[in-house]
Amino acid sequence: LLCENVMINGQLYKSGDIVVVSVIDCDNISVGLVQSILVKAEKVYFVVQKYNAVRNFMRYFESNQLSDPMSVFIESSKIADYKPLIKRGTSNRFFFLHHHVSYQYE
């Protein structure tokens, strides 16, 4: 089933949202720009374009490069943060505020 939006654990995800794929450190994260949402066998998958994002001097994150030119599938339970983020800008360069980055230094 192909969806434009879906509610998971009280959070509404929709096409155009940003999901946090992984946290590299407190200033660098990998994010996915949601292109569409698939539901199969009671599991939700996001079809995303993956980007690397860096925190800028104003504390916003900014996409700085497309990390994979191909769209990828990410299961909703595998994302690093349950909150979808709002994209400001274009698909080539966008900004977003991340409420919290969970990272532990070793």
Protein backbone atom coordinates (compact mmCIF):
# COMPACT_ATOMS: atom_id res chain seq x y z
CA LEU A 1 0.00 0.00 0.00
CA LEU A 2 1.42 3.38 -1.02
CA CYS A 3 0.57 6.24 1.37
CA GLU A 4 1.06 9.98 1.43
CA ASN A 5 0.94 10.09 5.24
CA VAL A 6 0.75 7.67 8.15
CA MET A 7 0.32 7.86 11.93
CA ILE A 8 2.87 5.83 13.94
CA ASN A 9 2.91 5.92 17.75
CA GLY A 10 1.09 9.24 17.83
CA GLN A 11 3.34 10.91 15.24
CA LEU A 12 2.09 11.92 11.79
CA TYR A 13 4.63 11.29 9.03
CA LYS A 14 4.04 12.64 5.54
CA SER A 15 5.80 13.04 2.23
CA GLY A 16 8.22 15.97 2.40
CA ASP A 17 9.09 15.43 6.07
CA ILE A 18 12.61 14.75 7.27
CA VAL A 19 13.44 11.69 9.38
CA VAL A 20 16.69 11.20 11.29
CA VAL A 21 18.37 8.06 9.93
CA SER A 22 21.45 8.06 12.18
CA VAL A 23 23.42 10.34 14.50
CA ILE A 24 27.14 10.57 13.73
CA ASP A 25 27.99 13.07 16.49
CA CYS A 26 26.34 16.09 18.12
CA ASP A 27 26.86 18.26 15.01
CA ASN A 28 26.54 15.72 12.17
CA ILE A 29 23.55 13.54 11.36
CA SER A 30 22.23 11.51 8.46
CA VAL A 31 18.66 12.35 7.46
CA GLY A 32 16.14 11.12 4.93
CA LEU A 33 13.79 13.35 2.95
CA VAL A 34 10.57 11.31 2.73
CA GLN A 35 9.44 10.85 -0.86
CA SER A 36 6.68 8.33 -0.17
CA ILE A 37 5.52 5.85 2.45
CA LEU A 38 4.87 2.14 1.94
CA VAL A 39 2.93 -0.24 4.16
CA LYS A 40 3.54 -3.96 3.69
CA ALA A 41 2.84 -6.86 6.04
CA GLU A 42 1.91 -4.46 8.85
CA LYS A 43 5.29 -2.68 8.61
CA VAL A 44 5.84 0.91 7.51
CA TYR A 45 8.72 1.81 5.19
CA PHE A 46 9.86 5.30 4.25
CA VAL A 47 11.20 5.83 0.73
CA VAL A 48 13.82 8.53 1.28
CA GLN A 49 16.68 10.44 -0.31
CA LYS A 50 19.53 10.35 2.21
CA TYR A 51 21.48 13.50 3.05
CA ASN A 52 24.29 14.38 5.42
CA ALA A 53 23.44 17.37 7.60
CA VAL A 54 25.67 19.64 9.70
CA ARG A 55 24.71 22.00 12.51
CA ASN A 56 25.41 25.60 11.46
CA PHE A 57 26.36 28.62 13.59
CA MET A 58 22.68 29.42 14.28
CA ARG A 59 22.17 25.90 15.72
CA TYR A 60 20.03 24.79 12.76
CA PHE A 61 20.97 21.73 10.79
CA GLU A 62 21.70 22.23 7.10
CA SER A 63 21.88 19.60 4.41
CA ASN A 64 25.38 19.72 3.00
CA GLN A 65 25.45 16.80 0.58
CA LEU A 66 23.33 14.05 -0.89
CA SER A 67 24.84 10.91 0.60
CA ASP A 68 23.18 8.50 -1.82
CA PRO A 69 21.75 9.45 -5.24
CA MET A 70 19.39 6.46 -5.14
CA SER A 71 16.24 6.39 -3.04
CA VAL A 72 16.42 3.93 -0.16
CA PHE A 73 13.84 2.10 1.96
CA ILE A 74 14.02 2.57 5.73
CA GLU A 75 11.73 0.67 8.08
CA SER A 76 9.99 3.05 10.48
CA SER A 77 11.28 1.18 13.53
CA LYS A 78 14.91 1.71 12.35
CA ILE A 79 14.97 5.52 12.35
CA ALA A 80 17.10 7.19 15.02
CA ASP A 81 14.42 9.63 16.20
CA TYR A 82 10.66 9.16 16.30
CA LYS A 83 9.85 12.83 15.58
CA PRO A 84 9.45 13.91 11.95
CA LEU A 85 11.14 17.24 11.16
CA ILE A 86 9.92 20.07 8.94
CA LYS A 87 12.02 20.94 5.90
CA ARG A 88 12.67 24.61 5.14
CA GLY A 89 14.14 25.22 1.71
CA THR A 90 14.47 23.15 -1.44
CA SER A 91 15.39 19.50 -1.94
CA ASN A 92 18.90 20.59 -2.98
CA ARG A 93 19.53 22.65 0.16
CA PHE A 94 17.34 22.71 3.21
CA PHE A 95 17.43 23.66 6.89
CA PHE A 96 15.68 22.19 9.89
CA LEU A 97 15.75 22.49 13.64
CA HIS A 98 16.34 19.25 15.49
CA HIS A 99 14.94 19.28 19.01
CA HIS A 100 17.55 16.97 20.53
CA VAL A 101 20.55 14.96 19.35
CA SER A 102 21.23 11.86 21.42
CA TYR A 103 24.91 11.10 21.23
CA GLN A 104 27.40 9.72 23.72
CA TYR A 105 31.13 10.35 23.35
CA GLU A 106 33.29 7.31 24.02
